[in-house]
Amino acid sequence: MLKHLPWVPVAVVMMVVSGCQWIVPGDSVYAVGVARIGQRIHVLAPLCEGERIEGVEVYDNDAASKQTAAAIAEAGFTYWEVEQPRTEAVAKGAIIIGEEAAFARVIVAAGSRGPLPDVAGIELTVRRGDAEHVVSDVFRVAAVPSYAADADPGGVEFVYNQGARSEKMLTPAEIVKEPGCAFDKVA
């Protein structure tokens, strides 16, 4: 069938290479759950026993995808970057974007370089034992489910694997049961 549609493989490769992961993620891409509660974006990262979040970076995925690797390092596409979680909940993957008090080290303050991007990339540094591994996901902020500011984060559904054919709405309890460890995924 693909010989009748020779442009399909090229289009898929171009979408993946251009940074459009939120459209065509593969099985090896790390997925997080995302929900907006009030004005705050909550992220739930499924981790396996022994894995811990060490750092978080949220960046403008659209802008970064249009740059070379060298330009990305200097361009300032980062919206928020933090390290060293202060609480066990954050270390286990319950992150609120921009909540800097939850981390001991703030590298880039939330919004100090501009507003939250429409298509946000999130990169997580995960530790298991003495090893660190980086995983990432991408989400479209406008497509994140929204709830009232007084909603209980444990009682809402998060979009998981946004933009993929396997996109689903999951509770926090369901997200933590998702198969695969962060160390099994590629960034």
N, C-alpha and C. Protein backbone atom coordinates (compact mmCIF):
# COMPACT_ATOMS: atom_id res chain seq x y z
N MET A 1 0.82 -1.19 0.00
CA MET A 1 0.00 0.00 0.00
C MET A 1 0.86 1.26 0.00
N LEU A 2 1.98 1.25 0.74
CA LEU A 2 2.81 2.44 0.81
C LEU A 2 3.43 2.81 -0.53
N LYS A 3 3.59 1.82 -1.45
CA LYS A 3 4.16 2.19 -2.74
C LYS A 3 3.18 3.06 -3.54
N HIS A 4 1.89 2.98 -3.20
CA HIS A 4 0.90 3.84 -3.85
C HIS A 4 0.85 5.23 -3.19
N LEU A 5 1.41 5.34 -2.02
CA LEU A 5 1.46 6.61 -1.29
C LEU A 5 2.90 6.89 -0.87
N PRO A 6 3.80 7.17 -1.82
CA PRO A 6 5.22 7.31 -1.50
C PRO A 6 5.52 8.47 -0.56
N TRP A 7 4.65 9.42 -0.42
CA TRP A 7 4.89 10.57 0.45
C TRP A 7 4.64 10.27 1.92
N VAL A 8 3.90 9.20 2.25
CA VAL A 8 3.56 8.91 3.65
C VAL A 8 4.79 8.69 4.52
N PRO A 9 5.74 7.80 4.14
CA PRO A 9 6.91 7.63 5.00
C PRO A 9 7.70 8.92 5.17
N VAL A 10 7.82 9.70 4.11
CA VAL A 10 8.55 10.96 4.19
C VAL A 10 7.83 11.92 5.13
N ALA A 11 6.52 12.00 5.05
CA ALA A 11 5.75 12.90 5.92
C ALA A 11 5.90 12.50 7.38
N VAL A 12 5.83 11.20 7.65
CA VAL A 12 5.97 10.74 9.04
C VAL A 12 7.35 11.08 9.58
N VAL A 13 8.39 10.81 8.79
CA VAL A 13 9.75 11.12 9.22
C VAL A 13 9.90 12.61 9.45
N MET A 14 9.37 13.44 8.55
CA MET A 14 9.49 14.89 8.71
C MET A 14 8.78 15.38 9.96
N MET A 15 7.63 14.80 10.28
CA MET A 15 6.90 15.22 11.48
C MET A 15 7.69 14.87 12.73
N VAL A 16 8.27 13.68 12.76
CA VAL A 16 9.03 13.28 13.94
C VAL A 16 10.30 14.10 14.06
N VAL A 17 11.03 14.27 12.95
CA VAL A 17 12.28 15.02 12.97
C VAL A 17 12.04 16.49 13.31
N SER A 18 10.91 17.03 12.88
CA SER A 18 10.65 18.45 13.10
C SER A 18 10.20 18.76 14.52
N GLY A 19 10.06 17.75 15.35
CA GLY A 19 9.67 18.02 16.72
C GLY A 19 8.18 17.85 16.97
N CYS A 20 7.45 17.30 16.03
CA CYS A 20 6.00 17.13 16.20
C CYS A 20 5.70 15.83 16.92
N GLN A 21 6.40 15.55 17.99
CA GLN A 21 6.20 14.31 18.72
C GLN A 21 4.78 14.17 19.22
N TRP A 22 4.16 15.27 19.57
CA TRP A 22 2.81 15.17 20.13
C TRP A 22 1.82 14.63 19.11
N ILE A 23 2.19 14.63 17.83
CA ILE A 23 1.31 14.09 16.81
C ILE A 23 1.58 12.61 16.58
N VAL A 24 2.85 12.20 16.56
CA VAL A 24 3.19 10.84 16.21
C VAL A 24 4.19 10.26 17.21
N PRO A 25 3.83 10.11 18.48
CA PRO A 25 4.79 9.52 19.40
C PRO A 25 4.88 8.02 19.18
N GLY A 26 6.04 7.46 19.44
CA GLY A 26 6.23 6.02 19.33
C GLY A 26 6.11 5.37 20.68
N ASP A 27 6.20 4.05 20.69
CA ASP A 27 6.10 3.32 21.95
C ASP A 27 7.26 3.62 22.89
N SER A 28 8.40 4.05 22.34
CA SER A 28 9.55 4.30 23.19
C SER A 28 9.57 5.71 23.76
N VAL A 29 8.61 6.56 23.38
CA VAL A 29 8.54 7.92 23.90
C VAL A 29 7.89 7.87 25.29
N TYR A 30 8.46 8.60 26.21
CA TYR A 30 7.96 8.64 27.57
C TYR A 30 6.73 9.55 27.62
N ALA A 31 5.64 9.07 28.18
CA ALA A 31 4.40 9.85 28.26
C ALA A 31 4.12 10.24 29.71
N VAL A 32 3.65 11.47 29.89
CA VAL A 32 3.23 11.95 31.20
C VAL A 32 1.75 12.29 31.12
N GLY A 33 1.09 12.38 32.28
CA GLY A 33 -0.29 12.84 32.36
C GLY A 33 -0.28 14.33 32.65
N VAL A 34 -1.21 15.07 32.03
CA VAL A 34 -1.26 16.52 32.21
C VAL A 34 -2.71 16.95 32.41
N ALA A 35 -2.92 17.84 33.39
CA ALA A 35 -4.24 18.44 33.65
C ALA A 35 -4.05 19.85 34.18
N ARG A 36 -5.02 20.71 33.89
CA ARG A 36 -5.00 22.08 34.45
C ARG A 36 -6.03 22.13 35.57
N ILE A 37 -5.57 22.52 36.75
CA ILE A 37 -6.46 22.70 37.89
C ILE A 37 -6.36 24.16 38.28
N GLY A 38 -7.43 24.88 38.06
CA GLY A 38 -7.37 26.34 38.20
C GLY A 38 -6.44 26.87 37.12
N GLN A 39 -5.45 27.64 37.51
CA GLN A 39 -4.47 28.18 36.55
C GLN A 39 -3.18 27.38 36.54
N ARG A 40 -3.13 26.29 37.30
CA ARG A 40 -1.88 25.53 37.45
C ARG A 40 -1.91 24.25 36.61
N ILE A 41 -0.82 24.01 35.89
CA ILE A 41 -0.68 22.79 35.08
C ILE A 41 -0.01 21.73 35.95
N HIS A 42 -0.73 20.62 36.15
CA HIS A 42 -0.22 19.49 36.93
C HIS A 42 0.29 18.43 35.96
N VAL A 43 1.44 17.86 36.28
CA VAL A 43 2.04 16.80 35.48
C VAL A 43 2.24 15.60 36.39
N LEU A 44 1.85 14.42 35.89
CA LEU A 44 2.11 13.17 36.61
C LEU A 44 3.00 12.30 35.74
N ALA A 45 4.17 11.99 36.26
CA ALA A 45 5.13 11.16 35.54
C ALA A 45 5.13 9.76 36.14
N PRO A 46 4.78 8.75 35.36
CA PRO A 46 4.81 7.39 35.89
C PRO A 46 6.26 6.91 36.07
N LEU A 47 6.59 6.51 37.26
CA LEU A 47 7.95 6.04 37.57
C LEU A 47 7.89 4.64 38.16
N CYS A 48 8.94 3.89 37.96
CA CYS A 48 9.03 2.56 38.56
C CYS A 48 9.72 2.66 39.92
N GLU A 49 9.62 1.60 40.68
CA GLU A 49 10.29 1.53 41.99
C GLU A 49 11.76 1.87 41.81
N GLY A 50 12.26 2.76 42.65
CA GLY A 50 13.67 3.14 42.61
C GLY A 50 13.97 4.32 41.71
N GLU A 51 13.01 4.76 40.89
CA GLU A 51 13.22 5.93 40.04
C GLU A 51 12.72 7.18 40.77
N ARG A 52 13.45 8.29 40.59
CA ARG A 52 13.10 9.56 41.22
C ARG A 52 13.38 10.70 40.27
N ILE A 53 12.51 11.69 40.29
CA ILE A 53 12.72 12.91 39.51
C ILE A 53 13.84 13.70 40.17
N GLU A 54 14.80 14.14 39.38
CA GLU A 54 15.89 14.99 39.87
C GLU A 54 15.79 16.41 39.32
N GLY A 55 15.21 16.54 38.12
CA GLY A 55 15.11 17.85 37.50
C GLY A 55 13.99 17.89 36.48
N VAL A 56 13.50 19.11 36.23
CA VAL A 56 12.40 19.32 35.28
C VAL A 56 12.73 20.54 34.44
N GLU A 57 12.52 20.41 33.13
CA GLU A 57 12.62 21.56 32.24
C GLU A 57 11.38 21.60 31.36
N VAL A 58 10.74 22.75 31.28
CA VAL A 58 9.60 22.97 30.39
C VAL A 58 10.06 24.02 29.39
N TYR A 59 9.85 23.73 28.10
CA TYR A 59 10.37 24.61 27.06
C TYR A 59 9.37 24.73 25.91
N ASP A 60 9.63 25.69 25.04
CA ASP A 60 8.80 25.93 23.87
C ASP A 60 9.20 24.92 22.80
N ASN A 61 8.41 23.87 22.64
CA ASN A 61 8.76 22.78 21.72
C ASN A 61 8.72 23.24 20.27
N ASP A 62 7.75 24.08 19.89
CA ASP A 62 7.68 24.55 18.51
C ASP A 62 8.91 25.36 18.14
N ALA A 63 9.30 26.30 18.98
CA ALA A 63 10.46 27.14 18.69
C ALA A 63 11.74 26.31 18.67
N ALA A 64 11.89 25.42 19.62
CA ALA A 64 13.10 24.60 19.69
C ALA A 64 13.20 23.66 18.50
N SER A 65 12.08 23.15 18.01
CA SER A 65 12.12 22.20 16.89
C SER A 65 12.57 22.84 15.59
N LYS A 66 12.57 24.15 15.53
CA LYS A 66 12.97 24.86 14.31
C LYS A 66 14.43 25.29 14.36
N GLN A 67 15.16 24.89 15.39
CA GLN A 67 16.54 25.32 15.56
C GLN A 67 17.50 24.14 15.47
N THR A 68 18.75 24.45 15.26
CA THR A 68 19.79 23.42 15.33
C THR A 68 20.10 23.17 16.79
N ALA A 69 20.76 22.07 17.09
CA ALA A 69 21.10 21.74 18.48
C ALA A 69 21.95 22.83 19.12
N ALA A 70 22.90 23.39 18.38
CA ALA A 70 23.75 24.44 18.93
C ALA A 70 22.95 25.70 19.25
N ALA A 71 22.00 26.04 18.39
CA ALA A 71 21.19 27.23 18.60
C ALA A 71 20.25 27.06 19.78
N ILE A 72 19.75 25.84 20.00
CA ILE A 72 18.82 25.59 21.10
C ILE A 72 19.46 25.91 22.43
N ALA A 73 20.72 25.52 22.61
CA ALA A 73 21.41 25.74 23.88
C ALA A 73 21.52 27.21 24.23
N GLU A 74 21.60 28.07 23.22
CA GLU A 74 21.78 29.50 23.47
C GLU A 74 20.51 30.32 23.29
N ALA A 75 19.47 29.75 22.75
CA ALA A 75 18.31 30.53 22.33
C ALA A 75 17.36 30.92 23.46
N GLY A 76 17.38 30.21 24.57
CA GLY A 76 16.49 30.57 25.67
C GLY A 76 15.06 30.16 25.47
N PHE A 77 14.81 28.94 24.99
CA PHE A 77 13.46 28.46 24.80
C PHE A 77 12.87 27.89 26.09
N THR A 78 13.66 27.86 27.14
CA THR A 78 13.20 27.29 28.40
C THR A 78 12.22 28.23 29.09
N TYR A 79 11.06 27.68 29.46
CA TYR A 79 10.06 28.42 30.23
C TYR A 79 10.34 28.29 31.72
N TRP A 80 10.76 27.08 32.15
CA TRP A 80 10.96 26.80 33.58
C TRP A 80 11.95 25.66 33.70
N GLU A 81 12.93 25.80 34.59
CA GLU A 81 13.88 24.70 34.83
C GLU A 81 14.26 24.68 36.30
N VAL A 82 14.12 23.50 36.91
CA VAL A 82 14.38 23.33 38.33
C VAL A 82 15.07 21.99 38.58
N GLU A 83 15.69 21.87 39.76
CA GLU A 83 16.35 20.63 40.17
C GLU A 83 16.15 20.41 41.66
N GLN A 84 16.41 19.21 42.11
CA GLN A 84 16.44 18.81 43.52
C GLN A 84 15.08 19.00 44.21
N PRO A 85 14.15 18.08 43.96
CA PRO A 85 12.84 18.19 44.60
C PRO A 85 12.94 18.19 46.12
N ARG A 86 12.09 18.97 46.75
CA ARG A 86 12.08 19.08 48.21
C ARG A 86 11.12 18.09 48.87
N THR A 87 10.17 17.55 48.12
CA THR A 87 9.19 16.64 48.71
C THR A 87 9.23 15.28 48.02
N GLU A 88 8.78 14.29 48.73
CA GLU A 88 8.72 12.94 48.18
C GLU A 88 7.71 12.86 47.04
N ALA A 89 6.60 13.58 47.15
CA ALA A 89 5.58 13.55 46.10
C ALA A 89 6.16 14.05 44.77
N VAL A 90 6.92 15.12 44.80
CA VAL A 90 7.53 15.65 43.58
C VAL A 90 8.57 14.67 43.06
N ALA A 91 9.40 14.13 43.93
CA ALA A 91 10.41 13.16 43.51
C ALA A 91 9.78 11.93 42.88
N LYS A 92 8.54 11.63 43.26
CA LYS A 92 7.84 10.46 42.70
C LYS A 92 6.99 10.82 41.48
N GLY A 93 7.11 12.06 40.99
CA GLY A 93 6.50 12.41 39.71
C GLY A 93 5.30 13.31 39.73
N ALA A 94 4.87 13.84 40.86
CA ALA A 94 3.74 14.77 40.93
C ALA A 94 4.28 16.20 40.90
N ILE A 95 4.22 16.82 39.73
CA ILE A 95 4.86 18.11 39.49
C ILE A 95 3.81 19.14 39.11
N ILE A 96 3.93 20.35 39.64
CA ILE A 96 3.10 21.48 39.23
C ILE A 96 4.04 22.45 38.54
N ILE A 97 3.80 22.70 37.26
CA ILE A 97 4.68 23.58 36.49
C ILE A 97 4.66 24.98 37.10
N GLY A 98 5.85 25.47 37.39
CA GLY A 98 6.01 26.80 37.96
C GLY A 98 6.06 26.84 39.48
N GLU A 99 5.82 25.72 40.15
CA GLU A 99 5.86 25.69 41.61
C GLU A 99 7.32 25.54 42.07
N GLU A 100 7.99 26.65 42.17
CA GLU A 100 9.42 26.65 42.45
C GLU A 100 9.77 26.28 43.88
N ALA A 101 8.87 26.52 44.82
CA ALA A 101 9.14 26.17 46.22
C ALA A 101 9.30 24.67 46.41
N ALA A 102 8.83 23.88 45.45
CA ALA A 102 8.94 22.42 45.54
C ALA A 102 10.33 21.91 45.17
N PHE A 103 11.22 22.82 44.77
CA PHE A 103 12.57 22.44 44.35
C PHE A 103 13.61 23.30 45.07
N ALA A 104 14.75 22.70 45.35
CA ALA A 104 15.82 23.41 46.05
C ALA A 104 16.58 24.34 45.11
N ARG A 105 16.61 24.04 43.82
CA ARG A 105 17.38 24.85 42.88
C ARG A 105 16.52 25.27 41.70
N VAL A 106 16.40 26.58 41.50
CA VAL A 106 15.67 27.14 40.35
C VAL A 106 16.72 27.66 39.38
N ILE A 107 16.74 27.08 38.18
CA ILE A 107 17.69 27.50 37.16
C ILE A 107 17.08 28.59 36.28
N VAL A 108 15.82 28.39 35.87
CA VAL A 108 15.07 29.39 35.12
C VAL A 108 13.71 29.53 35.81
N ALA A 109 13.43 30.72 36.32
CA ALA A 109 12.15 30.97 36.98
C ALA A 109 11.02 30.90 35.96
N ALA A 110 9.88 30.35 36.38
CA ALA A 110 8.73 30.20 35.49
C ALA A 110 8.32 31.54 34.90
N GLY A 111 8.24 31.60 33.59
CA GLY A 111 7.79 32.80 32.91
C GLY A 111 8.79 33.91 32.81
N SER A 112 10.00 33.73 33.32
CA SER A 112 10.98 34.81 33.29
C SER A 112 11.47 35.11 31.88
N ARG A 113 11.27 34.18 30.95
CA ARG A 113 11.69 34.38 29.55
C ARG A 113 10.49 34.50 28.62
N GLY A 114 9.29 34.52 29.17
CA GLY A 114 8.10 34.62 28.35
C GLY A 114 7.00 33.74 28.89
N PRO A 115 5.82 33.79 28.26
CA PRO A 115 4.67 33.01 28.73
C PRO A 115 4.83 31.52 28.44
N LEU A 116 4.00 30.72 29.09
CA LEU A 116 3.97 29.29 28.84
C LEU A 116 3.67 29.07 27.35
N PRO A 117 4.49 28.29 26.66
CA PRO A 117 4.27 28.11 25.22
C PRO A 117 3.01 27.30 24.93
N ASP A 118 2.48 27.46 23.72
CA ASP A 118 1.30 26.71 23.31
C ASP A 118 1.58 25.22 23.22
N VAL A 119 2.74 24.86 22.68
CA VAL A 119 3.17 23.46 22.62
C VAL A 119 4.39 23.35 23.51
N ALA A 120 4.19 22.76 24.67
CA ALA A 120 5.25 22.69 25.67
C ALA A 120 5.93 21.34 25.64
N GLY A 121 7.23 21.38 25.62
CA GLY A 121 8.03 20.17 25.80
C GLY A 121 8.37 20.08 27.27
N ILE A 122 8.40 18.89 27.81
CA ILE A 122 8.81 18.69 29.19
C ILE A 122 9.88 17.62 29.22
N GLU A 123 11.00 17.96 29.84
CA GLU A 123 12.12 17.04 29.93
C GLU A 123 12.35 16.76 31.42
N LEU A 124 12.41 15.48 31.76
CA LEU A 124 12.59 15.07 33.14
C LEU A 124 13.92 14.35 33.29
N THR A 125 14.69 14.75 34.26
CA THR A 125 15.89 14.02 34.61
C THR A 125 15.50 13.07 35.72
N VAL A 126 15.68 11.78 35.46
CA VAL A 126 15.26 10.73 36.39
C VAL A 126 16.50 10.00 36.89
N ARG A 127 16.53 9.74 38.18
CA ARG A 127 17.64 8.99 38.78
C ARG A 127 17.15 7.62 39.21
N ARG A 128 17.99 6.63 38.96
CA ARG A 128 17.79 5.29 39.49
C ARG A 128 19.16 4.82 39.96
N GLY A 129 19.30 4.68 41.28
CA GLY A 129 20.62 4.35 41.83
C GLY A 129 21.59 5.48 41.56
N ASP A 130 22.72 5.16 40.98
CA ASP A 130 23.73 6.18 40.66
C ASP A 130 23.60 6.73 39.24
N ALA A 131 22.66 6.21 38.48
CA ALA A 131 22.53 6.61 37.08
C ALA A 131 21.40 7.63 36.89
N GLU A 132 21.61 8.55 35.95
CA GLU A 132 20.58 9.50 35.56
C GLU A 132 20.19 9.25 34.11
N HIS A 133 18.94 9.53 33.80
CA HIS A 133 18.41 9.32 32.46
C HIS A 133 17.44 10.47 32.18
N VAL A 134 17.41 10.95 30.95
CA VAL A 134 16.51 12.03 30.59
C VAL A 134 15.41 11.47 29.69
N VAL A 135 14.16 11.80 30.01
CA VAL A 135 13.00 11.43 29.21
C VAL A 135 12.21 12.69 28.92
N SER A 136 11.39 12.64 27.87
CA SER A 136 10.65 13.84 27.52
C SER A 136 9.29 13.50 26.91
N ASP A 137 8.44 14.49 26.93
CA ASP A 137 7.12 14.40 26.31
C ASP A 137 6.76 15.80 25.82
N VAL A 138 5.72 15.89 25.03
CA VAL A 138 5.24 17.16 24.50
C VAL A 138 3.73 17.20 24.69
N PHE A 139 3.20 18.38 25.04
CA PHE A 139 1.75 18.50 25.15
C PHE A 139 1.30 19.86 24.66
N ARG A 140 0.09 19.89 24.12
CA ARG A 140 -0.53 21.13 23.66
C ARG A 140 -1.35 21.66 24.83
N VAL A 141 -0.98 22.82 25.34
CA VAL A 141 -1.59 23.39 26.54
C VAL A 141 -3.10 23.57 26.37
N ALA A 142 -3.55 24.04 25.22
CA ALA A 142 -4.99 24.28 25.00
C ALA A 142 -5.81 22.99 25.04
N ALA A 143 -5.18 21.85 24.81
CA ALA A 143 -5.90 20.57 24.78
C ALA A 143 -5.85 19.82 26.11
N VAL A 144 -5.25 20.43 27.12
CA VAL A 144 -5.18 19.81 28.44
C VAL A 144 -6.53 19.98 29.13
N PRO A 145 -7.07 18.92 29.74
CA PRO A 145 -8.36 19.06 30.43
C PRO A 145 -8.25 20.05 31.59
N SER A 146 -9.29 20.84 31.79
CA SER A 146 -9.30 21.87 32.84
C SER A 146 -10.35 21.57 33.89
N TYR A 147 -9.98 21.90 35.13
CA TYR A 147 -10.86 21.69 36.28
C TYR A 147 -10.83 22.93 37.16
N ALA A 148 -11.82 23.07 38.03
CA ALA A 148 -11.90 24.20 38.96
C ALA A 148 -10.67 24.21 39.88
N ALA A 149 -10.33 25.40 40.36
CA ALA A 149 -9.13 25.56 41.21
C ALA A 149 -9.20 24.73 42.48
N ASP A 150 -10.40 24.42 42.97
CA ASP A 150 -10.52 23.65 44.21
C ASP A 150 -10.65 22.14 43.97
N ALA A 151 -10.46 21.69 42.71
CA ALA A 151 -10.56 20.26 42.40
C ALA A 151 -9.40 19.50 43.05
N ASP A 152 -9.68 18.31 43.51
CA ASP A 152 -8.66 17.44 44.09
C ASP A 152 -7.86 16.79 42.97
N PRO A 153 -6.54 17.01 42.90
CA PRO A 153 -5.74 16.41 41.83
C PRO A 153 -5.87 14.88 41.76
N GLY A 154 -6.15 14.25 42.89
CA GLY A 154 -6.30 12.80 42.91
C GLY A 154 -7.62 12.33 42.33
N GLY A 155 -8.57 13.25 42.14
CA GLY A 155 -9.89 12.87 41.67
C GLY A 155 -10.23 13.33 40.26
N VAL A 156 -9.26 13.88 39.54
CA VAL A 156 -9.51 14.32 38.17
C VAL A 156 -8.82 13.38 37.19
N GLU A 157 -9.16 13.52 35.93
CA GLU A 157 -8.49 12.74 34.90
C GLU A 157 -7.48 13.62 34.17
N PHE A 158 -6.35 13.02 33.85
CA PHE A 158 -5.26 13.68 33.14
C PHE A 158 -5.21 13.12 31.72
N VAL A 159 -4.89 13.97 30.74
CA VAL A 159 -4.67 13.45 29.40
C VAL A 159 -3.31 12.77 29.43
N TYR A 160 -3.25 11.57 28.87
CA TYR A 160 -2.03 10.77 28.89
C TYR A 160 -1.72 10.36 27.46
N ASN A 161 -0.48 10.58 27.04
CA ASN A 161 -0.04 10.25 25.69
C ASN A 161 -0.79 11.13 24.69
N GLN A 162 -0.84 12.43 25.00
CA GLN A 162 -1.60 13.39 24.20
C GLN A 162 -1.15 13.41 22.75
N GLY A 163 -2.12 13.40 21.86
CA GLY A 163 -1.85 13.49 20.43
C GLY A 163 -1.58 12.16 19.75
N ALA A 164 -1.42 11.11 20.51
CA ALA A 164 -1.15 9.79 19.93
C ALA A 164 -2.45 9.03 19.69
N ARG A 165 -2.36 8.01 18.88
CA ARG A 165 -3.54 7.16 18.68
C ARG A 165 -3.96 6.50 19.98
N SER A 166 -3.01 6.33 20.89
CA SER A 166 -3.32 5.70 22.17
C SER A 166 -3.61 6.72 23.27
N GLU A 167 -3.92 7.99 22.90
CA GLU A 167 -4.26 9.01 23.89
C GLU A 167 -5.44 8.54 24.72
N LYS A 168 -5.38 8.79 26.03
CA LYS A 168 -6.48 8.41 26.90
C LYS A 168 -6.55 9.35 28.09
N MET A 169 -7.68 9.33 28.76
CA MET A 169 -7.87 10.10 29.98
C MET A 169 -7.74 9.12 31.13
N LEU A 170 -6.82 9.43 32.06
CA LEU A 170 -6.54 8.53 33.17
C LEU A 170 -6.53 9.27 34.49
N THR A 171 -6.89 8.58 35.55
CA THR A 171 -6.76 9.13 36.91
C THR A 171 -5.30 8.98 37.34
N PRO A 172 -4.88 9.68 38.39
CA PRO A 172 -3.52 9.48 38.88
C PRO A 172 -3.21 8.02 39.23
N ALA A 173 -4.17 7.32 39.82
CA ALA A 173 -3.95 5.91 40.17
C ALA A 173 -3.71 5.07 38.92
N GLU A 174 -4.37 5.40 37.83
CA GLU A 174 -4.18 4.66 36.58
C GLU A 174 -2.85 5.01 35.92
N ILE A 175 -2.43 6.27 36.01
CA ILE A 175 -1.17 6.70 35.40
C ILE A 175 0.01 5.98 36.05
N VAL A 176 0.02 5.88 37.36
CA VAL A 176 1.17 5.24 38.03
C VAL A 176 1.25 3.76 37.71
N LYS A 177 0.19 3.18 37.17
CA LYS A 177 0.21 1.76 36.79
C LYS A 177 0.61 1.55 35.33
N GLU A 178 0.83 2.63 34.59
CA GLU A 178 1.19 2.49 33.19
C GLU A 178 2.50 1.70 33.08
N PRO A 179 2.56 0.79 32.10
CA PRO A 179 3.74 -0.07 31.98
C PRO A 179 4.98 0.67 31.49
N GLY A 180 6.10 0.13 31.86
CA GLY A 180 7.38 0.68 31.41
C GLY A 180 7.95 1.68 32.37
N CYS A 181 9.23 1.61 32.56
CA CYS A 181 9.94 2.52 33.46
C CYS A 181 10.53 3.66 32.66
N ALA A 182 10.80 4.77 33.32
CA ALA A 182 11.44 5.91 32.63
C ALA A 182 12.77 5.48 32.03
N PHE A 183 13.49 4.60 32.71
CA PHE A 183 14.80 4.17 32.21
C PHE A 183 14.68 3.29 30.97
N ASP A 184 13.47 2.81 30.67
CA ASP A 184 13.26 2.00 29.47
C ASP A 184 12.91 2.86 28.25
N LYS A 185 12.71 4.14 28.46
CA LYS A 185 12.25 5.03 27.40
C LYS A 185 13.40 5.90 26.90
N VAL A 186 13.26 6.41 25.70
CA VAL A 186 14.26 7.31 25.14
C VAL A 186 13.74 8.73 25.16
N ALA A 187 14.64 9.69 25.25
CA ALA A 187 14.25 11.10 25.25
C ALA A 187 14.00 11.58 23.85
